[in-house]
Amino acid sequence: MVNGIFLMIGLATLTVTGADAVAQGQNDSSGRVADRADDIHPLLVGMKVPDVVLTDVQGKEVKIYSLLEKKPTVLIFYRGGWCPYCNLQLEQLHTIESDVLKEGYQIVAVSADRPENVEKSIEKHDLHYTLLSDSTMNAAKAFGLAFRVDKEALERSTKYAATLESGSGLNHHVLPVPAVFIVQKDGSIIFEYVNPNFKVRLNAQVLLAILKAENEQTGKN
């Protein structure tokens, strides 16, 4: 159970609060849907990401490894274009994209939105990095990030349920816990930030500093 934040780089944990999954040294809930955001078991630093299939704005399937093999990747999971905190995160990433590219990384952002809504986010924020759809939540499940939205919350707000269904085009009411992974070309995770509190995201400038520190450590720059 995750009752806090995963913040990991290399094989050392920088900040972990109540993270039993780290102690286990494995992700035993990959492919499952947690009952709460606090109960997810995300993939851990040192593991390799699964070769999940995502969908681009044209509705074409994209295997994640076809992107990873191009260059190291900042892989973002966010809830959707309907979420103001996600929109702020997308805009912040936009401000550092050129610097991220200079450091030799690309940005790939994945959401629960269906392709049409992903395209709207690209146009709304004038984004140039890659946004992909995971409306089925198969990728979020494989990364151990998926959780089912509380039934009581949905019953209290029919608008919330309608927003989720309009966003994904499906009625599964499953979302990813927002996450940031830094992934090498071979699929190995070298850093992650996963926070069940969807209002708190990894600051873009902090992310950029982490990329620069990683390059300095490995002698890339």
Protein backbone atom coordinates (compact mmCIF):
# COMPACT_ATOMS: atom_id res chain seq x y z
CA MET A 1 0.00 0.00 0.00
CA VAL A 2 1.23 3.47 -0.85
CA ASN A 3 0.32 6.04 1.79
CA GLY A 4 2.54 8.78 0.48
CA ILE A 5 4.96 9.64 -2.28
CA PHE A 6 7.35 7.55 -4.32
CA LEU A 7 10.36 9.66 -5.23
CA MET A 8 13.23 7.52 -6.44
CA ILE A 9 16.37 7.93 -8.51
CA GLY A 10 18.95 5.34 -9.40
CA LEU A 11 18.42 2.50 -6.96
CA ALA A 12 18.22 4.77 -3.93
CA THR A 13 15.01 6.06 -2.44
CA LEU A 14 15.07 9.81 -1.85
CA THR A 15 11.64 10.12 -0.29
CA VAL A 16 9.21 7.31 0.43
CA THR A 17 6.37 7.48 2.92
CA GLY A 18 4.65 4.28 4.01
CA ALA A 19 5.58 2.48 0.80
CA ASP A 20 5.33 -1.23 1.47
CA ALA A 21 5.82 -1.95 -2.23
CA VAL A 22 9.38 -0.67 -2.01
CA ALA A 23 10.14 -2.99 0.87
CA GLN A 24 8.81 -5.89 -1.16
CA GLY A 25 11.23 -5.02 -3.94
CA GLN A 26 8.66 -5.93 -6.56
CA ASN A 27 5.42 -4.78 -8.05
CA ASP A 28 2.95 -7.53 -7.17
CA SER A 29 -0.10 -5.53 -8.26
CA SER A 30 0.89 -4.77 -11.84
CA GLY A 31 -2.10 -5.18 -14.12
CA ARG A 32 -4.62 -4.71 -11.32
CA VAL A 33 -6.95 -1.87 -10.44
CA ALA A 34 -6.60 -0.66 -6.85
CA ASP A 35 -9.63 0.27 -4.80
CA ARG A 36 -8.04 3.56 -3.78
CA ALA A 37 -5.26 5.81 -5.03
CA ASP A 38 -3.37 5.09 -1.80
CA ASP A 39 -3.39 1.35 -2.55
CA ILE A 40 -1.49 1.27 -5.84
CA HIS A 41 1.77 -0.65 -6.34
CA PRO A 42 3.68 1.18 -9.08
CA LEU A 43 6.65 -0.20 -10.96
CA LEU A 44 9.88 0.56 -9.13
CA VAL A 45 13.24 2.04 -10.04
CA GLY A 46 15.42 -0.63 -11.61
CA MET A 47 12.49 -2.40 -13.25
CA LYS A 48 11.79 -2.30 -16.97
CA VAL A 49 8.56 -0.83 -18.24
CA PRO A 50 6.14 -3.13 -20.08
CA ASP A 51 5.78 -2.70 -23.84
CA VAL A 52 2.27 -1.37 -23.55
CA VAL A 53 0.21 -0.24 -26.52
CA LEU A 54 -1.11 3.32 -26.51
CA THR A 55 -3.11 5.30 -29.06
CA ASP A 56 -2.14 8.51 -30.83
CA VAL A 57 -4.50 11.32 -31.83
CA GLN A 58 -5.14 9.66 -35.19
CA GLY A 59 -6.32 6.52 -33.42
CA LYS A 60 -3.22 4.52 -34.40
CA GLU A 61 -1.61 2.10 -31.97
CA VAL A 62 1.81 3.05 -30.60
CA LYS A 63 4.03 0.63 -28.70
CA ILE A 64 5.89 2.38 -25.92
CA TYR A 65 9.21 0.77 -26.85
CA SER A 66 8.99 2.23 -30.36
CA LEU A 67 9.26 5.61 -28.63
CA LEU A 68 11.80 4.64 -25.97
CA GLU A 69 14.29 3.31 -28.50
CA LYS A 70 14.62 6.81 -29.96
CA LYS A 71 16.00 8.44 -26.81
CA PRO A 72 15.69 8.42 -23.01
CA THR A 73 12.20 9.49 -22.01
CA VAL A 74 10.39 11.52 -19.40
CA LEU A 75 7.18 9.51 -19.21
CA ILE A 76 4.23 11.29 -17.62
CA PHE A 77 0.91 9.76 -16.55
CA TYR A 78 -1.85 12.31 -15.96
CA ARG A 79 -5.60 12.10 -15.45
CA GLY A 80 -7.02 14.08 -18.36
CA GLY A 81 -7.59 17.43 -20.01
CA TRP A 82 -10.60 18.02 -17.74
CA CYS A 83 -8.28 18.18 -14.69
CA PRO A 84 -6.95 21.70 -13.89
CA TYR A 85 -3.91 20.28 -12.08
CA CYS A 86 -3.06 18.19 -15.13
CA ASN A 87 -3.42 21.20 -17.40
CA LEU A 88 -1.04 23.17 -15.22
CA GLN A 89 1.45 20.31 -15.35
CA LEU A 90 1.21 20.10 -19.16
CA GLU A 91 1.85 23.83 -19.42
CA GLN A 92 4.85 23.62 -17.08
CA LEU A 93 6.33 20.79 -19.14
CA HIS A 94 5.89 22.94 -22.23
CA THR A 95 8.10 25.64 -20.66
CA ILE A 96 11.01 23.24 -20.14
CA GLU A 97 10.68 21.12 -23.27
CA SER A 98 13.54 22.78 -25.15
CA ASP A 99 15.83 22.29 -22.15
CA VAL A 100 14.71 18.68 -21.78
CA LEU A 101 15.59 18.08 -25.43
CA LYS A 102 19.02 19.68 -24.90
CA GLU A 103 19.63 17.19 -22.11
CA GLY A 104 18.93 14.39 -24.57
CA TYR A 105 15.46 13.39 -23.38
CA GLN A 106 12.00 13.45 -24.91
CA ILE A 107 8.68 14.02 -23.15
CA VAL A 108 5.81 11.56 -23.57
CA ALA A 109 2.59 12.20 -21.67
CA VAL A 110 -0.15 9.58 -21.30
CA SER A 111 -3.69 10.16 -20.05
CA ALA A 112 -7.04 8.46 -19.59
CA ASP A 113 -8.46 10.70 -22.31
CA ARG A 114 -9.68 9.26 -25.59
CA PRO A 115 -7.68 10.37 -28.67
CA GLU A 116 -10.06 13.19 -29.59
CA ASN A 117 -9.64 14.77 -26.17
CA VAL A 118 -5.88 14.28 -26.24
CA GLU A 119 -5.83 16.26 -29.47
CA LYS A 120 -7.83 19.04 -27.80
CA SER A 121 -5.20 19.27 -25.05
CA ILE A 122 -2.43 19.54 -27.63
CA GLU A 123 -4.24 22.37 -29.40
CA LYS A 124 -5.29 24.14 -26.20
CA HIS A 125 -1.77 24.32 -24.80
CA ASP A 126 0.09 24.46 -28.15
CA LEU A 127 2.13 21.41 -27.14
CA HIS A 128 4.93 19.97 -29.25
CA TYR A 129 5.84 16.94 -27.17
CA THR A 130 4.03 13.62 -27.54
CA LEU A 131 0.63 13.05 -25.92
CA LEU A 132 -0.99 9.64 -26.11
CA SER A 133 -4.26 8.04 -25.05
CA ASP A 134 -4.66 5.22 -22.56
CA SER A 135 -8.45 5.38 -22.38
CA THR A 136 -8.71 1.65 -21.64
CA MET A 137 -6.32 2.10 -18.70
CA ASN A 138 -4.30 -0.94 -19.83
CA ALA A 139 -1.03 0.99 -19.60
CA ALA A 140 -1.90 2.46 -16.20
CA LYS A 141 -2.70 -1.05 -14.98
CA ALA A 142 0.58 -2.43 -16.32
CA PHE A 143 2.50 0.35 -14.56
CA GLY A 144 0.63 -0.32 -11.32
CA LEU A 145 -0.96 3.14 -11.29
CA ALA A 146 -4.63 2.38 -11.92
CA PHE A 147 -7.31 2.83 -9.29
CA ARG A 148 -11.08 2.86 -9.36
CA VAL A 149 -12.75 6.14 -8.47
CA ASP A 150 -14.67 5.89 -5.23
CA LYS A 151 -18.26 4.80 -5.84
CA GLU A 152 -19.58 7.16 -3.20
CA ALA A 153 -17.84 10.11 -4.87
CA LEU A 154 -19.47 9.20 -8.16
CA GLU A 155 -22.88 8.88 -6.53
CA ARG A 156 -22.48 12.27 -4.85
CA SER A 157 -21.66 13.94 -8.17
CA THR A 158 -23.24 12.73 -11.38
CA LYS A 159 -21.26 15.50 -13.10
CA TYR A 160 -17.99 13.88 -12.00
CA ALA A 161 -19.06 10.53 -13.44
CA ALA A 162 -20.14 12.20 -16.67
CA THR A 163 -16.79 14.02 -16.90
CA LEU A 164 -14.85 10.78 -16.54
CA GLU A 165 -16.99 9.01 -19.10
CA SER A 166 -16.79 11.90 -21.55
CA GLY A 167 -13.02 12.06 -21.09
CA SER A 168 -12.23 8.42 -21.75
CA GLY A 169 -15.28 7.54 -23.83
CA LEU A 170 -15.78 4.57 -21.51
CA ASN A 171 -17.58 3.97 -18.21
CA HIS A 172 -14.88 2.10 -16.28
CA HIS A 173 -14.32 5.06 -13.90
CA VAL A 174 -10.64 4.15 -13.58
CA LEU A 175 -7.87 6.76 -13.39
CA PRO A 176 -4.08 6.70 -13.11
CA VAL A 177 -2.35 8.14 -10.09
CA PRO A 178 -0.31 11.00 -11.60
CA ALA A 179 3.29 9.90 -12.09
CA VAL A 180 6.61 10.85 -13.63
CA PHE A 181 9.10 8.21 -14.77
CA ILE A 182 12.51 8.77 -16.31
CA VAL A 183 13.16 5.78 -18.53
CA GLN A 184 16.30 4.74 -20.39
CA LYS A 185 16.25 3.56 -24.00
CA ASP A 186 16.26 -0.08 -22.88
CA GLY A 187 13.12 0.53 -20.80
CA SER A 188 14.84 0.67 -17.40
CA ILE A 189 13.32 3.08 -14.88
CA ILE A 190 15.97 5.31 -13.29
CA PHE A 191 13.66 7.77 -11.50
CA GLU A 192 10.05 7.96 -10.47
CA TYR A 193 7.69 10.32 -8.71
CA VAL A 194 4.27 8.93 -7.87
CA ASN A 195 1.87 10.82 -5.61
CA PRO A 196 -1.68 9.67 -4.75
CA ASN A 197 -2.49 13.31 -3.96
CA PHE A 198 -3.41 14.44 -7.48
CA LYS A 199 -3.08 18.09 -6.50
CA VAL A 200 0.67 17.78 -5.94
CA ARG A 201 2.84 17.35 -9.06
CA LEU A 202 6.58 17.25 -9.57
CA ASN A 203 7.68 20.80 -10.34
CA ALA A 204 8.99 21.17 -13.87
CA GLN A 205 12.16 22.95 -12.79
CA VAL A 206 12.87 20.21 -10.25
CA LEU A 207 12.40 17.64 -12.99
CA LEU A 208 14.85 19.50 -15.22
CA ALA A 209 17.38 19.66 -12.38
CA ILE A 210 17.06 15.89 -11.93
CA LEU A 211 17.74 15.30 -15.64
CA LYS A 212 20.82 17.54 -15.50
CA ALA A 213 22.07 15.79 -12.36
CA GLU A 214 21.60 12.39 -14.00
CA ASN A 215 23.61 13.52 -17.04
CA GLU A 216 26.38 14.91 -14.86
CA GLN A 217 26.51 11.69 -12.87
CA THR A 218 26.74 9.52 -15.96
CA GLY A 219 29.05 11.90 -17.81
CA LYS A 220 26.62 12.56 -20.65
CA ASN A 221 27.22 16.31 -20.42
